[in-house]
Amino acid sequence: MNIGLFGGTFDPIHKGHLALAAAAQERCELGRVYFVPTNVPPHKAAQPVASYVHRYAMTTLATQAEKSFVASLLEAPGEFILHDKKSAKGSVASVPNYSIDTIRKLKQSLKKIDRLLFLIGIDAFKDIAKWREPESLFSECEFIIASRPGFSLADVAGALPEKFRPRAEVTKPFAKQPASGDLVLSGVALHLLDNVNQKISATEIRNAVRAKRPIKRFVPESVEEYIKKEGLYV
C-alpha cells in the first residue's frame, strides 16, 4: 500500500491541508494518509502554539469525514493527557520532534511492501538540506511536494542535500520550467503537485479569530466550532 505521512503544526488544520492531502492521494494512489500534529516543531520551538491536545483534537475533527485520513499520535508527548484541554498554550515538552525520527517510527508499523511518501509544501522543502539527517530522509521515503507559482524544477533540485544535488550546469535548462511532474534522480524520488495552491495560512486564521472575523471559508465547520468552544487564539 502507498502510505502518505503529512506532518505539521496544524495550528489550526485548515482546508488547504486537506486539499493537499486529497490531491496527493489521487496523484500517488495513497491508501492511507497519516496527519501527524507535531509536538514541538524544530523551526517553531521558541514560538507559542496551541497545546498538543487542541491541535490533535482539531486534526481528528477535520479528518473524520475521510476514512483513509488518519489523525496520528506519532509525535504525542509522553505527558499527553486529555484533561490538559484547559491550556491553550503548549509547554509540556521542550525537545523538538524531527521528521526522520517520526518516519522511522511509522515505518516500524508498516509492511515491507508498503511505500511511504512524505507530504510537504515547497516553502518547507526549500530548507530540506538543513533538516536533521537530510540524506537519510530520502533513503527512507519519497516526497510529494505542493508547488506554487514562482518555483522551478531547478529550484527544487537546488534545494536537495549536496549528495543528491545535480551540478548547476545540469539544472540550468530547467530554471524556467515550472515545478511540476516527477523528478527522479539517483537516490531521490519527488512528485510535484502544481494544482493545490490555496491561499490559506494558519496565521491568517488565528488573526481572523482575534479580530472576530468569520473563518468558515478556511476551516471545516467542526474545527470552527471547536475553536469557538475552547476559546482558542483570542
C-alpha atoms as a PDB file:
ATOM      1  CA  MET A   1       0.000   0.000   0.000  1.00  0.00           C
ATOM      2  CA  ASN A   2       1.120   3.560  -0.678  1.00  0.00           C
ATOM      3  CA  ILE A   3       1.130   5.484   2.602  1.00  0.00           C
ATOM      4  CA  GLY A   4       1.222   9.255   2.992  1.00  0.00           C
ATOM      5  CA  LEU A   5       2.781  10.981   6.002  1.00  0.00           C
ATOM      6  CA  PHE A   6       1.696  14.578   6.478  1.00  0.00           C
ATOM      7  CA  GLY A   7       3.288  16.325   9.438  1.00  0.00           C
ATOM      8  CA  GLY A   8       2.700  19.866  10.576  1.00  0.00           C
ATOM      9  CA  THR A   9       1.929  22.181  13.422  1.00  0.00           C
ATOM     10  CA  PHE A  10      -1.748  22.226  12.335  1.00  0.00           C
ATOM     11  CA  ASP A  11      -2.380  25.323  14.446  1.00  0.00           C
ATOM     12  CA  PRO A  12      -5.089  25.066  13.229  1.00  0.00           C
ATOM     13  CA  ILE A  13      -5.501  22.459  10.499  1.00  0.00           C
ATOM     14  CA  HIS A  14      -7.338  24.038   7.544  1.00  0.00           C
ATOM     15  CA  LYS A  15      -8.864  23.335   4.140  1.00  0.00           C
ATOM     16  CA  GLY A  16      -5.542  23.907   2.413  1.00  0.00           C
ATOM     17  CA  HIS A  17      -4.038  20.960   4.303  1.00  0.00           C
ATOM     18  CA  LEU A  18      -6.996  18.767   3.371  1.00  0.00           C
ATOM     19  CA  ALA A  19      -6.811  19.809  -0.283  1.00  0.00           C
ATOM     20  CA  LEU A  20      -3.121  18.913  -0.426  1.00  0.00           C
ATOM     21  CA  ALA A  21      -3.759  15.505   1.121  1.00  0.00           C
ATOM     22  CA  ALA A  22      -6.618  14.808  -1.309  1.00  0.00           C
ATOM     23  CA  ALA A  23      -4.514  15.835  -4.334  1.00  0.00           C
ATOM     24  CA  ALA A  24      -1.580  13.718  -3.140  1.00  0.00           C
ATOM     25  CA  GLN A  25      -3.893  10.781  -2.537  1.00  0.00           C
ATOM     26  CA  GLU A  26      -5.214  10.966  -6.076  1.00  0.00           C
ATOM     27  CA  ARG A  27      -1.843  11.571  -7.724  1.00  0.00           C
ATOM     28  CA  CYS A  28       0.081   8.813  -5.911  1.00  0.00           C
ATOM     29  CA  GLU A  29      -2.807   6.426  -5.134  1.00  0.00           C
ATOM     30  CA  LEU A  30      -2.359   6.687  -1.378  1.00  0.00           C
ATOM     31  CA  GLY A  31      -4.326   4.072   0.522  1.00  0.00           C
ATOM     32  CA  ARG A  32      -3.904   5.997   3.770  1.00  0.00           C
ATOM     33  CA  VAL A  33      -2.698   9.442   4.829  1.00  0.00           C
ATOM     34  CA  TYR A  34      -1.446   9.956   8.378  1.00  0.00           C
ATOM     35  CA  PHE A  35      -1.855  13.524   9.628  1.00  0.00           C
ATOM     36  CA  VAL A  36       0.771  13.988  12.332  1.00  0.00           C
ATOM     37  CA  PRO A  37       0.472  17.058  14.575  1.00  0.00           C
ATOM     38  CA  THR A  38       3.969  17.992  15.671  1.00  0.00           C
ATOM     39  CA  ASN A  39       4.517  18.240  19.402  1.00  0.00           C
ATOM     40  CA  VAL A  40       7.458  20.661  19.287  1.00  0.00           C
ATOM     41  CA  PRO A  41       8.353  21.745  15.728  1.00  0.00           C
ATOM     42  CA  PRO A  42      12.140  22.366  15.490  1.00  0.00           C
ATOM     43  CA  HIS A  43      11.607  25.578  13.481  1.00  0.00           C
ATOM     44  CA  LYS A  44       8.980  26.901  15.907  1.00  0.00           C
ATOM     45  CA  ALA A  45      10.344  25.712  19.242  1.00  0.00           C
ATOM     46  CA  ALA A  46      10.505  29.269  20.597  1.00  0.00           C
ATOM     47  CA  GLN A  47       7.066  30.276  19.329  1.00  0.00           C
ATOM     48  CA  PRO A  48       3.858  29.737  21.332  1.00  0.00           C
ATOM     49  CA  VAL A  49       1.448  27.284  19.756  1.00  0.00           C
ATOM     50  CA  ALA A  50      -1.859  25.850  20.894  1.00  0.00           C
ATOM     51  CA  SER A  51      -1.375  22.826  23.138  1.00  0.00           C
ATOM     52  CA  TYR A  52      -0.861  19.458  21.522  1.00  0.00           C
ATOM     53  CA  VAL A  53      -4.225  18.178  22.737  1.00  0.00           C
ATOM     54  CA  HIS A  54      -6.065  21.037  20.993  1.00  0.00           C
ATOM     55  CA  ARG A  55      -4.206  20.569  17.724  1.00  0.00           C
ATOM     56  CA  TYR A  56      -4.685  16.805  17.782  1.00  0.00           C
ATOM     57  CA  ALA A  57      -8.413  17.240  18.527  1.00  0.00           C
ATOM     58  CA  MET A  58      -8.832  19.649  15.604  1.00  0.00           C
ATOM     59  CA  THR A  59      -6.925  17.288  13.310  1.00  0.00           C
ATOM     60  CA  THR A  60      -9.205  14.426  14.341  1.00  0.00           C
ATOM     61  CA  LEU A  61     -12.302  16.516  13.643  1.00  0.00           C
ATOM     62  CA  ALA A  62     -11.020  17.716  10.259  1.00  0.00           C
ATOM     63  CA  THR A  63     -10.155  14.232   9.004  1.00  0.00           C
ATOM     64  CA  GLN A  64     -13.108  12.227  10.311  1.00  0.00           C
ATOM     65  CA  ALA A  65     -15.130  12.526   7.082  1.00  0.00           C
ATOM     66  CA  GLU A  66     -12.499  10.699   5.021  1.00  0.00           C
ATOM     67  CA  LYS A  67     -11.882   7.088   6.051  1.00  0.00           C
ATOM     68  CA  SER A  68      -8.387   6.992   4.569  1.00  0.00           C
ATOM     69  CA  PHE A  69      -7.293  10.091   6.517  1.00  0.00           C
ATOM     70  CA  VAL A  70      -5.961   9.267   9.990  1.00  0.00           C
ATOM     71  CA  ALA A  71      -5.105  11.675  12.812  1.00  0.00           C
ATOM     72  CA  SER A  72      -1.919  10.183  14.243  1.00  0.00           C
ATOM     73  CA  LEU A  73      -0.359  10.261  17.708  1.00  0.00           C
ATOM     74  CA  LEU A  74       3.128   9.546  16.357  1.00  0.00           C
ATOM     75  CA  GLU A  75       4.524  12.713  17.947  1.00  0.00           C
ATOM     76  CA  ALA A  76       2.312  12.836  21.030  1.00  0.00           C
ATOM     77  CA  PRO A  77       4.217  13.950  24.141  1.00  0.00           C
ATOM     78  CA  GLY A  78       4.657  11.424  26.911  1.00  0.00           C
ATOM     79  CA  GLU A  79       2.655  13.694  29.197  1.00  0.00           C
ATOM     80  CA  PHE A  80      -0.312  13.693  26.777  1.00  0.00           C
ATOM     81  CA  ILE A  81      -3.476  13.619  28.915  1.00  0.00           C
ATOM     82  CA  LEU A  82      -6.974  14.696  27.990  1.00  0.00           C
ATOM     83  CA  HIS A  83      -7.627  16.974  30.957  1.00  0.00           C
ATOM     84  CA  ASP A  84      -4.915  19.328  29.665  1.00  0.00           C
ATOM     85  CA  LYS A  85      -7.551  20.777  27.304  1.00  0.00           C
ATOM     86  CA  LYS A  86      -7.887  23.868  29.512  1.00  0.00           C
ATOM     87  CA  SER A  87      -4.474  25.074  28.388  1.00  0.00           C
ATOM     88  CA  ALA A  88      -4.325  26.914  25.057  1.00  0.00           C
ATOM     89  CA  LYS A  89      -0.550  27.297  25.189  1.00  0.00           C
ATOM     90  CA  GLY A  90       1.606  24.203  24.998  1.00  0.00           C
ATOM     91  CA  SER A  91       4.586  23.736  27.315  1.00  0.00           C
ATOM     92  CA  VAL A  92       4.509  20.003  28.037  1.00  0.00           C
ATOM     93  CA  ALA A  93       7.798  19.320  26.291  1.00  0.00           C
ATOM     94  CA  SER A  94      10.887  21.218  25.150  1.00  0.00           C
ATOM     95  CA  VAL A  95      12.586  18.581  22.990  1.00  0.00           C
ATOM     96  CA  PRO A  96      11.897  19.171  19.278  1.00  0.00           C
ATOM     97  CA  ASN A  97      10.446  16.437  17.085  1.00  0.00           C
ATOM     98  CA  TYR A  98      12.458  15.583  13.983  1.00  0.00           C
ATOM     99  CA  SER A  99      10.881  14.204  10.817  1.00  0.00           C
ATOM    100  CA  ILE A 100      13.490  11.484  10.394  1.00  0.00           C
ATOM    101  CA  ASP A 101      12.558  10.028  13.796  1.00  0.00           C
ATOM    102  CA  THR A 102       8.828  10.177  13.019  1.00  0.00           C
ATOM    103  CA  ILE A 103       9.350   8.488   9.649  1.00  0.00           C
ATOM    104  CA  ARG A 104      11.355   5.659  11.191  1.00  0.00           C
ATOM    105  CA  LYS A 105       8.802   5.222  13.952  1.00  0.00           C
ATOM    106  CA  LEU A 106       5.956   4.924  11.442  1.00  0.00           C
ATOM    107  CA  LYS A 107       7.879   2.511   9.239  1.00  0.00           C
ATOM    108  CA  GLN A 108       8.210   0.120  12.161  1.00  0.00           C
ATOM    109  CA  SER A 109       4.453  -0.449  11.932  1.00  0.00           C
ATOM    110  CA  LEU A 110       4.321  -0.794   8.151  1.00  0.00           C
ATOM    111  CA  LYS A 111       4.815  -3.828   5.960  1.00  0.00           C
ATOM    112  CA  LYS A 112       7.992  -4.172   3.918  1.00  0.00           C
ATOM    113  CA  ILE A 113       5.986  -3.859   0.724  1.00  0.00           C
ATOM    114  CA  ASP A 114       4.416  -0.563   1.820  1.00  0.00           C
ATOM    115  CA  ARG A 115       5.667   2.576   0.099  1.00  0.00           C
ATOM    116  CA  LEU A 116       5.989   5.692   2.253  1.00  0.00           C
ATOM    117  CA  LEU A 117       5.578   9.183   0.792  1.00  0.00           C
ATOM    118  CA  PHE A 118       6.153  12.371   2.786  1.00  0.00           C
ATOM    119  CA  LEU A 119       3.846  15.328   2.047  1.00  0.00           C
ATOM    120  CA  ILE A 120       5.395  18.783   2.233  1.00  0.00           C
ATOM    121  CA  GLY A 121       4.921  22.303   0.886  1.00  0.00           C
ATOM    122  CA  ILE A 122       7.583  23.716  -1.390  1.00  0.00           C
ATOM    123  CA  ASP A 123       8.413  26.564   1.026  1.00  0.00           C
ATOM    124  CA  ALA A 124       9.371  23.994   3.655  1.00  0.00           C
ATOM    125  CA  PHE A 125      11.133  21.769   1.117  1.00  0.00           C
ATOM    126  CA  LYS A 126      13.500  24.547   0.065  1.00  0.00           C
ATOM    127  CA  ASP A 127      15.149  24.176   3.512  1.00  0.00           C
ATOM    128  CA  ILE A 128      15.212  20.363   3.472  1.00  0.00           C
ATOM    129  CA  ALA A 129      19.022  20.238   3.345  1.00  0.00           C
ATOM    130  CA  LYS A 130      19.068  21.898   6.796  1.00  0.00           C
ATOM    131  CA  TRP A 131      16.855  19.243   8.413  1.00  0.00           C
ATOM    132  CA  ARG A 132      18.255  16.546  10.679  1.00  0.00           C
ATOM    133  CA  GLU A 133      19.861  13.697   8.690  1.00  0.00           C
ATOM    134  CA  PRO A 134      18.636  15.082   5.356  1.00  0.00           C
ATOM    135  CA  GLU A 135      20.277  12.388   3.252  1.00  0.00           C
ATOM    136  CA  SER A 136      18.611   9.670   5.322  1.00  0.00           C
ATOM    137  CA  LEU A 137      15.207  11.244   4.716  1.00  0.00           C
ATOM    138  CA  PHE A 138      15.477  10.453   1.020  1.00  0.00           C
ATOM    139  CA  SER A 139      16.519   6.866   1.630  1.00  0.00           C
ATOM    140  CA  GLU A 140      13.557   6.303   3.972  1.00  0.00           C
ATOM    141  CA  CYS A 141      10.769   7.731   1.799  1.00  0.00           C
ATOM    142  CA  GLU A 142       9.693   9.543  -1.344  1.00  0.00           C
ATOM    143  CA  PHE A 143       8.398  13.122  -1.292  1.00  0.00           C
ATOM    144  CA  ILE A 144       5.168  14.686  -2.528  1.00  0.00           C
ATOM    145  CA  ILE A 145       5.726  18.428  -2.820  1.00  0.00           C
ATOM    146  CA  ALA A 146       2.970  21.023  -3.101  1.00  0.00           C
ATOM    147  CA  SER A 147       4.400  23.544  -5.529  1.00  0.00           C
ATOM    148  CA  ARG A 148       3.275  27.083  -6.273  1.00  0.00           C
ATOM    149  CA  PRO A 149       3.923  29.720  -8.933  1.00  0.00           C
ATOM    150  CA  GLY A 150       7.411  31.152  -8.911  1.00  0.00           C
ATOM    151  CA  PHE A 151       9.269  27.902  -8.275  1.00  0.00           C
ATOM    152  CA  SER A 152      11.045  25.945 -10.998  1.00  0.00           C
ATOM    153  CA  LEU A 153      12.372  22.419 -11.273  1.00  0.00           C
ATOM    154  CA  ALA A 154      15.851  23.920 -10.903  1.00  0.00           C
ATOM    155  CA  ASP A 155      14.803  25.425  -7.554  1.00  0.00           C
ATOM    156  CA  VAL A 156      13.609  22.028  -6.354  1.00  0.00           C
ATOM    157  CA  ALA A 157      16.793  20.259  -7.469  1.00  0.00           C
ATOM    158  CA  GLY A 158      18.923  23.000  -5.920  1.00  0.00           C
ATOM    159  CA  ALA A 159      17.244  22.505  -2.532  1.00  0.00           C
ATOM    160  CA  LEU A 160      18.395  18.899  -2.276  1.00  0.00           C
ATOM    161  CA  PRO A 161      21.197  17.859   0.099  1.00  0.00           C
ATOM    162  CA  GLU A 162      24.571  18.253  -1.543  1.00  0.00           C
ATOM    163  CA  LYS A 163      24.965  14.498  -2.028  1.00  0.00           C
ATOM    164  CA  PHE A 164      21.928  14.406  -4.337  1.00  0.00           C
ATOM    165  CA  ARG A 165      22.099  17.907  -5.810  1.00  0.00           C
ATOM    166  CA  PRO A 166      22.794  17.957  -9.568  1.00  0.00           C
ATOM    167  CA  ARG A 167      25.500  20.268 -10.859  1.00  0.00           C
ATOM    168  CA  ALA A 168      24.369  23.791 -11.759  1.00  0.00           C
ATOM    169  CA  GLU A 169      25.033  23.225 -15.447  1.00  0.00           C
ATOM    170  CA  VAL A 170      22.705  20.226 -15.374  1.00  0.00           C
ATOM    171  CA  THR A 171      19.798  22.079 -13.772  1.00  0.00           C
ATOM    172  CA  LYS A 172      20.242  25.364 -15.673  1.00  0.00           C
ATOM    173  CA  PRO A 173      17.940  24.294 -18.560  1.00  0.00           C
ATOM    174  CA  PHE A 174      15.150  23.734 -16.012  1.00  0.00           C
ATOM    175  CA  ALA A 175      15.347  27.220 -14.479  1.00  0.00           C
ATOM    176  CA  LYS A 176      12.276  28.360 -16.431  1.00  0.00           C
ATOM    177  CA  GLN A 177      10.367  25.083 -16.204  1.00  0.00           C
ATOM    178  CA  PRO A 178       7.606  25.159 -13.534  1.00  0.00           C
ATOM    179  CA  ALA A 179       7.962  22.789 -10.595  1.00  0.00           C
ATOM    180  CA  SER A 180       5.561  20.071 -11.690  1.00  0.00           C
ATOM    181  CA  GLY A 181       5.580  16.415 -12.666  1.00  0.00           C
ATOM    182  CA  ASP A 182       8.094  13.940 -11.262  1.00  0.00           C
ATOM    183  CA  LEU A 183      11.766  14.480 -10.559  1.00  0.00           C
ATOM    184  CA  VAL A 184      13.703  11.234 -10.218  1.00  0.00           C
ATOM    185  CA  LEU A 185      17.424  11.354  -9.542  1.00  0.00           C
ATOM    186  CA  SER A 186      19.869   8.863  -8.075  1.00  0.00           C
ATOM    187  CA  GLY A 187      18.559   8.180  -4.558  1.00  0.00           C
ATOM    188  CA  VAL A 188      15.720  10.718  -4.853  1.00  0.00           C
ATOM    189  CA  ALA A 189      12.070  10.469  -5.948  1.00  0.00           C
ATOM    190  CA  LEU A 190       9.994  13.653  -5.908  1.00  0.00           C
ATOM    191  CA  HIS A 191       6.386  14.087  -7.010  1.00  0.00           C
ATOM    192  CA  LEU A 192       5.366  17.705  -7.583  1.00  0.00           C
ATOM    193  CA  LEU A 193       1.782  18.922  -7.312  1.00  0.00           C
ATOM    194  CA  ASP A 194       1.119  22.240  -9.023  1.00  0.00           C
ATOM    195  CA  ASN A 195      -2.672  22.433  -8.734  1.00  0.00           C
ATOM    196  CA  VAL A 196      -3.259  22.820  -4.978  1.00  0.00           C
ATOM    197  CA  ASN A 197      -2.079  26.367  -4.388  1.00  0.00           C
ATOM    198  CA  GLN A 198      -4.724  27.519  -1.906  1.00  0.00           C
ATOM    199  CA  LYS A 199      -4.011  30.882  -0.313  1.00  0.00           C
ATOM    200  CA  ILE A 200      -4.763  29.876   3.261  1.00  0.00           C
ATOM    201  CA  SER A 201      -2.434  30.279   6.214  1.00  0.00           C
ATOM    202  CA  ALA A 202      -2.829  29.325   9.849  1.00  0.00           C
ATOM    203  CA  THR A 203      -1.554  32.778  10.810  1.00  0.00           C
ATOM    204  CA  GLU A 204      -4.359  34.381   8.817  1.00  0.00           C
ATOM    205  CA  ILE A 205      -6.902  32.163  10.557  1.00  0.00           C
ATOM    206  CA  ARG A 206      -5.584  32.975  14.034  1.00  0.00           C
ATOM    207  CA  ASN A 207      -5.621  36.683  13.227  1.00  0.00           C
ATOM    208  CA  ALA A 208      -9.180  36.419  11.941  1.00  0.00           C
ATOM    209  CA  VAL A 209     -10.288  34.757  15.186  1.00  0.00           C
ATOM    210  CA  ARG A 210      -8.689  37.519  17.256  1.00  0.00           C
ATOM    211  CA  ALA A 211     -10.412  40.116  15.095  1.00  0.00           C
ATOM    212  CA  LYS A 212     -13.713  38.239  15.442  1.00  0.00           C
ATOM    213  CA  ARG A 213     -13.960  37.698  11.681  1.00  0.00           C
ATOM    214  CA  PRO A 214     -15.577  34.531  10.228  1.00  0.00           C
ATOM    215  CA  ILE A 215     -13.236  31.625   9.406  1.00  0.00           C
ATOM    216  CA  LYS A 216     -15.746  29.254   7.814  1.00  0.00           C
ATOM    217  CA  ARG A 217     -14.086  29.536   4.387  1.00  0.00           C
ATOM    218  CA  PHE A 218     -10.750  28.481   5.878  1.00  0.00           C
ATOM    219  CA  VAL A 219     -11.566  25.501   8.129  1.00  0.00           C
ATOM    220  CA  PRO A 220     -14.146  22.701   8.338  1.00  0.00           C
ATOM    221  CA  GLU A 221     -17.237  23.605  10.356  1.00  0.00           C
ATOM    222  CA  SER A 222     -16.294  21.150  13.099  1.00  0.00           C
ATOM    223  CA  VAL A 223     -12.917  22.873  13.555  1.00  0.00           C
ATOM    224  CA  GLU A 224     -14.532  26.305  13.613  1.00  0.00           C
ATOM    225  CA  GLU A 225     -16.911  25.143  16.345  1.00  0.00           C
ATOM    226  CA  TYR A 226     -14.048  23.650  18.356  1.00  0.00           C
ATOM    227  CA  ILE A 227     -12.046  26.880  18.196  1.00  0.00           C
ATOM    228  CA  LYS A 228     -15.053  28.837  19.433  1.00  0.00           C
ATOM    229  CA  LYS A 229     -15.901  26.336  22.170  1.00  0.00           C
ATOM    230  CA  GLU A 230     -12.353  26.201  23.543  1.00  0.00           C
ATOM    231  CA  GLY A 231     -11.676  29.906  23.141  1.00  0.00           C
ATOM    232  CA  LEU A 232      -8.525  29.392  21.078  1.00  0.00           C
ATOM    233  CA  TYR A 233      -6.492  32.208  19.512  1.00  0.00           C
ATOM    234  CA  VAL A 234      -8.249  35.036  21.336  1.00  0.00           C
END
